[in-house]
N, C-alpha and C. Protein backbone atom coordinates (compact mmCIF):
# COMPACT_ATOMS: atom_id res chain seq x y z
N MET A 1 92.70 107.03 98.69
CA MET A 1 93.15 108.00 98.75
C MET A 1 93.57 109.33 97.21
N ALA A 2 93.19 110.17 96.20
CA ALA A 2 93.92 110.04 95.46
C ALA A 2 95.37 111.07 96.07
N ALA A 3 96.31 110.98 95.70
CA ALA A 3 96.81 111.31 96.35
C ALA A 3 97.54 113.14 95.37
N LEU A 4 97.29 114.33 96.52
CA LEU A 4 97.44 115.18 95.48
C LEU A 4 99.03 115.29 94.89
N ALA A 5 99.74 115.05 96.62
CA ALA A 5 101.44 114.94 96.03
C ALA A 5 102.17 114.37 97.38
N THR A 6 103.15 114.08 96.74
CA THR A 6 103.83 112.69 97.30
C THR A 6 105.33 113.52 97.51
N LEU A 7 105.67 113.32 98.77
CA LEU A 7 107.34 113.03 98.90
C LEU A 7 108.24 112.29 99.37
N ARG A 8 108.93 112.33 98.62
CA ARG A 8 110.36 110.25 99.61
C ARG A 8 111.11 111.22 100.30
N ILE A 9 112.20 110.68 101.00
CA ILE A 9 112.57 111.15 101.62
C ILE A 9 113.08 110.08 102.29
N GLU A 10 115.01 110.80 102.85
CA GLU A 10 115.28 109.49 103.24
C GLU A 10 115.37 109.30 104.54
N ALA A 11 115.74 108.62 105.06
CA ALA A 11 115.04 108.83 107.51
C ALA A 11 116.32 109.71 107.52
N ASP A 12 116.25 110.53 107.93
CA ASP A 12 117.04 111.76 109.02
C ASP A 12 116.44 112.71 109.33
N LEU A 13 116.68 113.16 110.72
CA LEU A 13 115.54 114.14 111.33
C LEU A 13 115.87 115.00 111.07
N ALA A 14 117.09 115.16 110.44
CA ALA A 14 117.38 117.04 109.42
C ALA A 14 115.81 116.61 107.88
N ARG A 15 116.19 115.94 108.08
CA ARG A 15 114.29 115.94 106.60
C ARG A 15 113.59 116.06 107.35
N LEU A 16 112.98 116.40 108.25
CA LEU A 16 111.64 116.44 108.86
C LEU A 16 110.85 118.03 108.65
N LYS A 17 112.67 119.09 108.85
CA LYS A 17 112.00 120.34 108.89
C LYS A 17 110.82 120.17 106.92
N ASP A 18 111.01 118.96 106.05
CA ASP A 18 111.57 119.58 104.69
C ASP A 18 110.04 118.32 104.61
N VAL A 19 108.99 117.39 105.50
CA VAL A 19 107.76 117.08 105.99
C VAL A 19 106.49 117.58 106.73
N ARG A 20 106.87 118.68 107.54
CA ARG A 20 105.84 119.99 108.18
C ARG A 20 106.07 120.51 107.06
N ASP A 21 107.42 120.69 106.00
CA ASP A 21 106.96 122.22 104.85
C ASP A 21 105.56 121.69 103.88
N PHE A 22 106.23 120.42 104.10
CA PHE A 22 105.00 119.77 102.63
C PHE A 22 103.69 119.78 103.46
N VAL A 23 103.77 119.65 104.01
CA VAL A 23 102.26 118.96 105.06
C VAL A 23 101.21 120.48 104.27
N ARG A 24 101.77 121.25 105.09
CA ARG A 24 101.65 122.59 105.55
C ARG A 24 101.45 123.23 104.87
N GLU A 25 101.94 122.75 102.76
CA GLU A 25 102.09 123.71 101.84
C GLU A 25 100.32 122.53 101.39
N ALA A 26 100.24 121.70 101.43
CA ALA A 26 99.90 120.85 100.71
C ALA A 26 98.14 121.18 100.87
N ALA A 27 98.51 121.34 102.39
CA ALA A 27 96.36 120.84 103.49
C ALA A 27 95.88 122.14 103.07
N PRO A 28 96.24 122.97 103.19
CA PRO A 28 95.21 124.49 102.45
C PRO A 28 94.47 124.43 101.50
N GLY A 29 94.96 123.74 100.37
CA GLY A 29 94.57 123.10 98.93
C GLY A 29 93.51 122.76 99.38
N LEU A 30 93.24 121.95 100.02
CA LEU A 30 92.38 120.68 100.12
C LEU A 30 90.97 121.19 101.27
N GLY A 31 91.54 122.46 101.66
CA GLY A 31 90.17 122.69 102.57
C GLY A 31 90.04 123.10 103.21
N ALA A 32 92.02 122.87 104.47
CA ALA A 32 91.72 122.76 105.39
C ALA A 32 91.54 123.80 106.55
N ASP A 33 91.38 124.63 107.94
CA ASP A 33 91.82 125.17 108.06
C ASP A 33 92.93 125.46 109.37
N GLN A 34 93.59 126.75 110.28
CA GLN A 34 95.30 126.40 109.84
C GLN A 34 94.80 126.07 111.08
N ALA A 35 94.01 125.31 112.58
CA ALA A 35 94.18 124.52 113.63
C ALA A 35 94.37 123.49 112.92
N SER A 36 93.72 122.31 111.84
CA SER A 36 93.44 121.93 111.31
C SER A 36 94.31 120.81 110.77
N ILE A 37 95.06 122.51 109.89
CA ILE A 37 97.22 121.74 109.64
C ILE A 37 97.80 122.03 110.91
N ASP A 38 97.92 121.79 111.19
CA ASP A 38 98.09 122.50 112.56
C ASP A 38 98.25 121.63 113.72
N ASP A 39 97.48 120.61 113.46
CA ASP A 39 97.80 119.28 114.37
C ASP A 39 97.78 118.54 112.97
N LEU A 40 97.77 118.73 112.41
CA LEU A 40 97.99 117.39 111.09
C LEU A 40 99.15 117.86 110.61
N VAL A 41 100.19 118.52 110.69
CA VAL A 41 101.76 118.61 110.03
C VAL A 41 102.66 117.83 112.52
N GLN A 42 101.73 118.55 113.50
CA GLN A 42 102.21 117.97 114.29
C GLN A 42 102.26 115.58 114.21
N ALA A 43 100.76 115.86 114.74
CA ALA A 43 100.99 114.34 114.26
C ALA A 43 101.76 113.96 113.19
N VAL A 44 101.49 114.18 111.85
CA VAL A 44 103.60 113.79 110.73
C VAL A 44 103.95 113.74 111.26
N ASP A 45 104.46 114.49 112.39
CA ASP A 45 106.30 115.05 112.21
C ASP A 45 106.16 113.84 113.77
N GLU A 46 105.75 113.48 114.39
CA GLU A 46 105.50 112.95 115.35
C GLU A 46 105.69 111.47 114.81
N TRP A 47 104.38 110.74 113.61
CA TRP A 47 104.59 109.30 113.17
C TRP A 47 106.08 109.11 112.61
N VAL A 48 106.43 110.11 111.99
CA VAL A 48 107.85 109.94 111.24
C VAL A 48 108.82 109.91 111.88
N THR A 49 108.78 111.21 112.81
CA THR A 49 110.33 111.25 113.74
C THR A 49 110.63 109.49 114.65
N ASN A 50 108.88 108.98 114.85
CA ASN A 50 109.15 107.48 115.61
C ASN A 50 110.32 106.98 114.17
N VAL A 51 109.47 106.89 112.96
CA VAL A 51 110.22 105.96 111.61
C VAL A 51 112.22 105.59 112.07
N ILE A 52 111.80 106.79 111.91
CA ILE A 52 113.53 107.61 111.63
C ILE A 52 113.75 106.90 113.48
N VAL A 53 113.62 107.56 114.44
CA VAL A 53 114.61 107.44 115.89
C VAL A 53 113.64 105.85 116.48
N HIS A 54 112.98 105.67 115.37
CA HIS A 54 112.61 103.36 116.44
C HIS A 54 112.66 102.52 115.14
N GLY A 55 112.23 102.99 114.26
CA GLY A 55 112.01 102.25 113.00
C GLY A 55 113.20 102.24 112.55
N TYR A 56 113.95 102.82 112.08
CA TYR A 56 115.38 102.98 111.54
C TYR A 56 116.45 103.04 111.59
N ARG A 57 116.59 102.94 113.46
CA ARG A 57 117.09 103.13 114.26
C ARG A 57 118.19 103.88 114.42
N GLY A 58 118.40 105.04 112.28
CA GLY A 58 119.37 106.24 112.99
C GLY A 58 120.23 104.98 111.51
N ALA A 59 119.25 104.13 111.01
CA ALA A 59 119.88 104.10 109.68
C ALA A 59 119.70 103.92 108.42
N ALA A 60 119.76 104.22 106.78
CA ALA A 60 118.85 104.41 106.12
C ALA A 60 118.38 104.03 105.68
N GLY A 61 117.20 104.19 105.05
CA GLY A 61 115.72 103.95 105.17
C GLY A 61 115.01 104.90 104.44
N PRO A 62 113.81 104.23 103.11
CA PRO A 62 113.17 105.60 102.54
C PRO A 62 111.91 105.70 103.53
N ILE A 63 111.65 107.01 102.60
CA ILE A 63 109.80 107.13 103.46
C ILE A 63 109.67 108.09 102.86
N GLU A 64 108.04 107.45 102.81
CA GLU A 64 107.39 108.42 101.57
C GLU A 64 105.79 109.11 102.19
N VAL A 65 105.13 110.74 101.67
CA VAL A 65 104.45 111.03 102.44
C VAL A 65 103.56 111.14 101.17
N SER A 66 102.81 111.14 101.06
CA SER A 66 101.51 111.26 100.05
C SER A 66 100.81 112.18 101.43
N VAL A 67 99.96 112.92 100.62
CA VAL A 67 99.02 114.11 100.58
C VAL A 67 98.12 114.05 100.05
N GLY A 68 96.37 113.82 100.00
CA GLY A 68 95.35 113.98 99.96
C GLY A 68 94.29 114.12 100.67
N ARG A 69 92.84 113.81 99.52
CA ARG A 69 91.69 113.85 99.83
C ARG A 69 90.91 112.55 100.38
N GLY A 70 89.55 112.49 100.87
CA GLY A 70 89.43 110.75 101.23
C GLY A 70 87.79 111.75 100.69
N ALA A 71 87.07 111.10 101.51
CA ALA A 71 85.42 111.66 101.72
C ALA A 71 85.65 112.34 103.10
N GLY A 72 85.66 113.84 102.83
CA GLY A 72 85.40 114.33 104.37
C GLY A 72 86.20 113.94 104.95
N GLU A 73 88.02 113.57 104.20
CA GLU A 73 88.61 114.84 104.91
C GLU A 73 89.97 114.82 104.80
N ILE A 74 90.92 114.97 104.64
CA ILE A 74 92.86 115.17 104.38
C ILE A 74 93.34 114.68 104.84
N GLU A 75 94.06 113.94 104.01
CA GLU A 75 94.78 111.73 104.43
C GLU A 75 95.95 112.37 104.40
N VAL A 76 96.96 111.81 105.21
CA VAL A 76 98.13 111.70 104.55
C VAL A 76 98.66 109.91 105.39
N ARG A 77 99.48 108.97 103.96
CA ARG A 77 100.27 108.53 104.76
C ARG A 77 101.50 108.35 104.06
N VAL A 78 101.53 107.23 105.50
CA VAL A 78 103.14 107.72 105.63
C VAL A 78 104.07 105.58 105.71
N ARG A 79 104.45 105.64 104.44
CA ARG A 79 104.85 104.51 103.63
C ARG A 79 106.14 104.43 104.10
N ASP A 80 106.96 103.54 104.94
CA ASP A 80 108.85 103.19 105.16
C ASP A 80 109.13 101.60 104.73
N GLU A 81 110.50 101.24 104.78
CA GLU A 81 110.48 100.09 104.97
C GLU A 81 111.07 99.35 106.30
N ALA A 82 110.96 100.14 107.45
CA ALA A 82 111.35 99.99 108.46
C ALA A 82 110.94 98.00 109.18
N PRO A 83 111.42 98.40 110.21
CA PRO A 83 110.46 96.48 110.51
C PRO A 83 109.13 97.10 111.51
N ALA A 84 108.30 95.71 110.85
CA ALA A 84 107.02 96.56 111.28
C ALA A 84 106.60 97.00 112.64
N PHE A 85 105.78 97.69 112.95
CA PHE A 85 105.51 97.99 114.73
C PHE A 85 104.20 98.73 114.24
N ASP A 86 103.06 97.63 115.34
CA ASP A 86 101.83 97.99 115.44
C ASP A 86 101.66 99.32 116.85
N PRO A 87 101.14 100.10 116.33
CA PRO A 87 101.15 101.82 117.76
C PRO A 87 99.90 101.25 118.55
N ASP A 88 99.15 99.63 118.02
CA ASP A 88 98.17 99.26 119.12
C ASP A 88 99.36 98.40 119.82
N THR A 89 100.30 98.26 120.11
CA THR A 89 101.20 97.16 120.73
C THR A 89 101.70 99.10 121.87
N ALA A 90 102.12 100.04 121.73
CA ALA A 90 102.57 100.73 122.82
C ALA A 90 101.72 101.39 123.71
N PRO A 91 102.67 101.35 125.02
CA PRO A 91 101.57 100.42 125.91
C PRO A 91 101.15 102.50 126.12
N ALA A 92 99.62 102.41 126.94
CA ALA A 92 98.92 103.29 126.75
C ALA A 92 99.97 104.42 128.03
N PHE A 93 99.32 105.63 127.48
CA PHE A 93 99.87 106.91 127.76
C PHE A 93 99.39 106.91 129.29
N ASP A 94 100.43 107.48 130.40
CA ASP A 94 99.13 107.63 131.93
C ASP A 94 99.14 108.44 132.44
N ARG A 95 98.32 109.03 131.95
CA ARG A 95 97.84 111.43 132.63
C ARG A 95 97.66 111.23 133.88
N THR A 96 98.13 110.57 134.72
CA THR A 96 97.89 110.40 136.49
C THR A 96 99.28 110.48 136.77
N VAL A 97 100.15 109.89 136.31
CA VAL A 97 102.06 109.82 135.78
C VAL A 97 102.14 111.83 136.36
N PRO A 98 102.28 112.21 137.72
CA PRO A 98 102.91 113.38 137.40
C PRO A 98 104.41 113.85 136.91
N LEU A 99 103.74 114.37 135.51
CA LEU A 99 104.86 115.09 134.70
C LEU A 99 105.77 114.97 136.44
N GLU A 100 106.79 115.26 136.58
CA GLU A 100 107.92 115.67 136.73
C GLU A 100 108.38 113.64 136.86
N GLN A 101 107.32 113.04 137.25
CA GLN A 101 107.99 111.24 137.04
C GLN A 101 107.81 110.46 135.87
N ARG A 102 107.03 110.71 134.99
CA ARG A 102 106.90 110.72 133.67
C ARG A 102 108.41 110.16 132.48
N PRO A 103 108.71 108.58 131.82
CA PRO A 103 109.81 108.74 131.35
C PRO A 103 109.49 109.25 130.01
N PHE A 104 110.90 110.67 129.55
CA PHE A 104 111.16 111.22 128.50
C PHE A 104 110.51 110.82 127.41
N GLY A 105 109.78 111.30 126.52
CA GLY A 105 109.21 110.47 125.45
C GLY A 105 108.32 109.46 125.68
N LYS A 106 107.85 108.62 125.55
CA LYS A 106 106.78 107.78 125.28
C LYS A 106 104.71 108.44 125.23
N MET A 107 105.15 109.56 124.07
CA MET A 107 103.73 110.00 124.37
C MET A 107 103.78 110.45 122.50
N GLY A 108 104.28 110.63 122.33
CA GLY A 108 104.45 109.90 120.54
C GLY A 108 102.48 109.49 120.53
N ILE A 109 102.42 108.92 120.93
CA ILE A 109 101.28 108.29 119.70
C ILE A 109 100.00 107.87 120.11
N HIS A 110 100.34 108.46 121.54
CA HIS A 110 98.70 108.95 122.37
C HIS A 110 98.70 110.50 121.12
N LEU A 111 99.46 111.27 121.57
CA LEU A 111 99.82 113.03 121.17
C LEU A 111 98.79 112.98 119.02
N ILE A 112 99.77 111.28 118.71
CA ILE A 112 99.15 111.53 117.25
C ILE A 112 97.90 111.18 117.35
N ARG A 113 97.20 109.63 118.30
CA ARG A 113 95.39 109.86 118.74
C ARG A 113 94.63 110.90 118.95
N GLU A 114 95.70 112.13 119.34
CA GLU A 114 94.53 113.49 119.75
C GLU A 114 93.98 114.42 119.22
N LEU A 115 95.56 114.39 117.84
CA LEU A 115 95.44 115.62 116.94
C LEU A 115 94.72 115.00 116.07
N SER A 116 94.41 114.04 115.57
CA SER A 116 94.17 113.17 113.99
C SER A 116 92.19 113.00 114.41
N ASP A 117 92.13 112.73 113.87
CA ASP A 117 90.40 112.13 113.01
C ASP A 117 90.70 110.61 113.82
N ARG A 118 91.89 109.83 112.28
CA ARG A 118 91.79 108.98 111.88
C ARG A 118 93.14 107.91 112.14
N PHE A 119 93.76 107.46 112.45
CA PHE A 119 94.98 107.11 112.63
C PHE A 119 94.82 105.00 112.43
N GLU A 120 95.93 105.26 111.37
CA GLU A 120 96.00 103.66 111.41
C GLU A 120 97.21 102.96 110.45
N ARG A 121 97.65 102.04 110.97
CA ARG A 121 98.41 101.24 109.85
C ARG A 121 97.95 100.08 109.74
N ALA A 122 98.97 99.73 108.74
CA ALA A 122 98.99 98.44 108.06
C ALA A 122 100.03 97.75 108.12
N PRO A 123 100.77 97.04 108.59
CA PRO A 123 101.78 96.53 106.92
C PRO A 123 102.14 96.70 105.61
N ALA A 124 102.63 97.22 105.17
CA ALA A 124 103.83 96.89 103.96
C ALA A 124 103.34 96.30 102.76
N PRO A 125 103.03 96.02 101.67
CA PRO A 125 102.62 95.08 100.82
C PRO A 125 104.63 94.37 100.97
N ASP A 126 104.87 94.71 100.50
CA ASP A 126 106.82 94.54 100.38
C ASP A 126 107.82 94.38 102.26
N GLY A 127 107.05 94.68 102.74
CA GLY A 127 107.42 95.02 103.86
C GLY A 127 107.72 95.91 104.65
N GLY A 128 107.29 97.10 106.12
CA GLY A 128 107.10 97.80 106.11
C GLY A 128 105.99 98.22 106.23
N ASN A 129 105.32 100.08 106.67
CA ASN A 129 104.38 100.21 107.51
C ASN A 129 103.83 101.14 106.61
N ASP A 130 102.59 101.13 105.91
CA ASP A 130 101.95 101.51 105.87
C ASP A 130 100.55 102.70 106.95
N VAL A 131 100.91 104.12 107.07
CA VAL A 131 100.21 104.28 108.38
C VAL A 131 99.47 105.32 107.35
N THR A 132 98.44 106.09 108.12
CA THR A 132 97.30 107.19 107.70
C THR A 132 97.17 107.20 108.85
N ILE A 133 97.08 108.79 108.32
CA ILE A 133 96.61 109.66 109.79
C ILE A 133 95.45 111.16 109.08
N CYS A 134 94.82 111.08 108.88
CA CYS A 134 93.83 112.27 109.53
C CYS A 134 93.13 113.73 110.56
N ILE A 135 92.51 114.19 108.88
CA ILE A 135 91.57 115.14 110.18
C ILE A 135 90.59 115.60 109.00
N ASP A 136 89.21 115.24 110.33
CA ASP A 136 87.91 115.24 109.28
C ASP A 136 87.83 117.36 108.31
N CYS A 137 87.00 117.59 107.17
CA CYS A 137 87.47 118.01 106.68
C CYS A 137 85.94 118.69 105.61
N PRO A 138 85.29 118.89 105.93
CA PRO A 138 84.45 119.40 104.61
C PRO A 138 85.07 118.89 103.73
N THR A 139 84.28 119.08 102.54
CA THR A 139 84.76 119.21 100.31
C THR A 139 84.65 120.56 100.71
N PRO A 140 85.28 120.54 100.24
CA PRO A 140 85.05 122.67 100.09
C PRO A 140 84.15 123.14 99.26
N SER A 141 83.72 123.72 99.49
CA SER A 141 83.01 123.99 98.44
C SER A 141 83.03 125.13 97.28
N HIS A 142 82.80 124.41 95.91
CA HIS A 142 82.26 124.92 94.16
C HIS A 142 81.98 125.62 94.32
N PRO A 143 81.96 127.60 93.30
CA PRO A 143 81.25 128.29 92.74
C PRO A 143 80.39 127.45 92.46
N GLY A 144 79.10 128.26 92.56
CA GLY A 144 77.20 128.10 91.95
C GLY A 144 77.03 127.31 93.53
N GLY A 145 77.81 126.40 94.11
CA GLY A 145 77.36 126.71 95.72
C GLY A 145 76.99 124.30 95.61
N SER A 146 77.91 124.06 94.71
CA SER A 146 77.96 122.60 94.34
C SER A 146 78.90 122.10 95.06
N ALA A 147 79.21 120.99 95.42
CA ALA A 147 80.30 120.50 96.22
C ALA A 147 81.36 119.03 95.84
């Protein structure tokens, strides 16, 4: 992915609005429709919230969010230096449990997977996590009909 823009923040829940605004402002220029942008913003917000709350556990730490285009998709990469966490190890969300019996939270990873077309995590080279959240989005057409 060639990053269009990058935002760097400190791990602080007060900065989530900045992350949402950043993704919301960058995605339309990459050809995304409003419904896809809304899904992408929510998925990225869920992941960054998890990094702040569960990764850094209230401690200071950097988070870098980059937005760009991949082949047929809009890609958001989130990098942090929190302890490594593999989302594939999170307990599966059980839709059969009645709402009043569900524990608070525990839906973030499930929601990210539902809202995105691709969600991958790799350990960052210097420690931490390197997460990619993507939505499918055809390459915008250019004048003259070529893509």
